[in-house]
Amino acid sequence: MKQIPEINESEFNEQVLRSQQPILVCFWAPWSKPCRVLGPTLDEVATHCEGRVKVVKVNADDNIDLGLWYNIQFIPTLLYFINGSERARIVGTASTEAILARLQSASPDGNLAAFPPEESKEHEHLNS
């Protein structure tokens, strides 16, 4: 599984708000059991979306001002940004499928080309 990078307040503007790519931000804390439960799911989402949607984490305890700015009241909280605008929010734990479905529904026109069916990649190899 891919290691999800952690960013802080000083990197947030460049890494998230100016990103040309859709980005999923997970506000978390190391002491939180729900955050630890969500960890493997977030890894699956990051692997599934690699190269299409960037996934990063923000430690809510170390970045209090950022948490206040985005009204983070519970952790984990996932924020999905497209072109610097928050398009979706998931509070608490969720399955990989639920997160992917939410990202798709939050995408322009409900069409998230970033999520082609996994089978299409396999068929490309079979037809080569």
Protein backbone atom coordinates (compact mmCIF):
# COMPACT_ATOMS: atom_id res chain seq x y z
CA MET A 1 0.00 0.00 0.00
CA LYS A 2 1.07 3.53 -0.73
CA GLN A 3 2.11 5.79 2.18
CA ILE A 4 -0.30 8.72 2.46
CA PRO A 5 1.63 11.98 2.86
CA GLU A 6 0.91 14.24 5.81
CA ILE A 7 0.79 17.98 5.21
CA ASN A 8 0.53 20.96 7.57
CA GLU A 9 -0.99 24.44 7.54
CA SER A 10 1.98 26.00 5.74
CA GLU A 11 1.68 23.47 2.90
CA PHE A 12 -2.12 23.40 2.65
CA ASN A 13 -2.56 26.31 0.23
CA GLU A 14 -0.03 24.94 -2.27
CA GLN A 15 -0.81 21.23 -1.88
CA VAL A 16 -4.62 21.43 -1.68
CA LEU A 17 -6.10 24.75 -2.74
CA ARG A 18 -3.83 25.20 -5.77
CA SER A 19 -3.85 21.54 -6.81
CA GLN A 20 -4.79 20.92 -10.44
CA GLN A 21 -5.84 17.43 -9.39
CA PRO A 22 -8.83 16.57 -7.16
CA ILE A 23 -7.62 15.99 -3.61
CA LEU A 24 -9.02 14.14 -0.60
CA VAL A 25 -7.86 15.51 2.76
CA CYS A 26 -8.24 13.45 5.92
CA PHE A 27 -8.22 15.39 9.19
CA TRP A 28 -7.10 12.87 11.82
CA ALA A 29 -5.26 12.41 15.13
CA PRO A 30 -2.96 9.54 16.12
CA TRP A 31 -4.79 8.91 19.42
CA SER A 32 -8.20 8.46 17.74
CA LYS A 33 -9.44 4.88 17.40
CA PRO A 34 -11.86 5.78 14.54
CA CYS A 35 -8.91 7.35 12.69
CA ARG A 36 -6.89 4.14 13.13
CA VAL A 37 -9.89 2.14 11.88
CA LEU A 38 -10.17 4.39 8.81
CA GLY A 39 -6.44 4.10 8.04
CA PRO A 40 -6.53 0.90 5.94
CA THR A 41 -9.64 2.14 4.11
CA LEU A 42 -7.90 5.40 3.27
CA ASP A 43 -4.93 3.38 1.98
CA GLU A 44 -7.30 1.44 -0.31
CA VAL A 45 -8.87 4.67 -1.59
CA ALA A 46 -5.41 6.15 -2.26
CA THR A 47 -4.30 3.01 -4.12
CA HIS A 48 -7.52 2.89 -6.15
CA CYS A 49 -7.27 6.58 -7.08
CA GLU A 50 -3.51 6.78 -7.58
CA GLY A 51 -2.59 9.28 -10.27
CA ARG A 52 -6.18 10.59 -10.45
CA VAL A 53 -7.08 11.86 -6.97
CA LYS A 54 -4.41 12.81 -4.47
CA VAL A 55 -4.95 11.71 -0.86
CA VAL A 56 -3.27 13.53 2.05
CA LYS A 57 -3.63 13.65 5.83
CA VAL A 58 -3.66 16.62 8.21
CA ASN A 59 -3.04 16.07 11.92
CA ALA A 60 -5.90 18.03 13.52
CA ASP A 61 -4.02 18.42 16.83
CA ASP A 62 -0.96 19.95 15.15
CA ASN A 63 -2.94 22.18 12.76
CA ILE A 64 -5.62 23.70 14.97
CA ASP A 65 -6.14 26.86 12.89
CA LEU A 66 -6.75 24.80 9.76
CA GLY A 67 -9.25 22.65 11.64
CA LEU A 68 -11.05 25.77 12.86
CA TRP A 69 -11.07 27.29 9.36
CA TYR A 70 -12.75 24.18 7.93
CA ASN A 71 -15.00 23.70 10.98
CA ILE A 72 -13.61 20.26 11.82
CA GLN A 73 -15.64 19.19 14.85
CA PHE A 74 -15.06 15.43 14.74
CA ILE A 75 -12.25 13.23 13.51
CA PRO A 76 -11.77 11.63 11.18
CA THR A 77 -13.25 14.10 8.71
CA LEU A 78 -12.61 13.77 4.99
CA LEU A 79 -12.80 16.85 2.75
CA TYR A 80 -12.81 16.47 -1.03
CA PHE A 81 -11.50 19.45 -3.00
CA ILE A 82 -11.79 20.13 -6.72
CA ASN A 83 -10.05 23.25 -8.06
CA GLY A 84 -9.54 24.54 -4.51
CA SER A 85 -13.22 24.28 -3.51
CA GLU A 86 -14.61 21.85 -0.96
CA ARG A 87 -17.04 19.62 -2.85
CA ALA A 88 -17.78 16.88 -0.30
CA ARG A 89 -17.36 16.07 3.38
CA ILE A 90 -17.49 12.72 5.15
CA VAL A 91 -17.47 12.73 8.95
CA GLY A 92 -16.46 9.54 10.73
CA THR A 93 -15.50 6.20 9.28
CA ALA A 94 -16.79 4.90 5.96
CA SER A 95 -16.12 1.99 3.63
CA THR A 96 -13.89 2.28 0.58
CA GLU A 97 -16.96 1.92 -1.63
CA ALA A 98 -18.87 4.64 0.24
CA ILE A 99 -15.94 7.06 -0.02
CA LEU A 100 -15.48 6.38 -3.74
CA ALA A 101 -19.22 6.78 -4.35
CA ARG A 102 -19.22 10.11 -2.48
CA LEU A 103 -16.25 11.36 -4.50
CA GLN A 104 -17.99 10.38 -7.71
CA SER A 105 -21.27 12.07 -6.74
CA ALA A 106 -19.39 15.25 -5.80
CA SER A 107 -17.65 15.46 -9.16
CA PRO A 108 -18.87 17.75 -11.94
CA ASP A 109 -21.92 16.32 -13.72
CA GLY A 110 -21.74 13.29 -11.42
CA ASN A 111 -19.15 11.90 -13.82
CA LEU A 112 -15.80 11.14 -12.30
CA ALA A 113 -13.59 10.06 -15.16
CA ALA A 114 -10.92 9.61 -12.51
CA PHE A 115 -12.66 6.37 -11.53
CA PRO A 116 -12.80 4.10 -14.57
CA PRO A 117 -13.79 0.52 -13.78
CA GLU A 118 -10.82 -1.50 -12.53
CA GLU A 119 -11.55 -4.15 -15.18
CA SER A 120 -10.69 -1.73 -17.98
CA LYS A 121 -7.01 -1.79 -17.00
CA GLU A 122 -7.01 -5.59 -16.99
CA HIS A 123 -8.65 -5.72 -20.41
CA GLU A 124 -6.02 -3.36 -21.79
CA HIS A 125 -3.34 -5.86 -20.78
CA LEU A 126 -5.31 -8.81 -22.17
CA ASN A 127 -5.86 -7.08 -25.49
CA SER A 128 -2.25 -5.95 -25.90
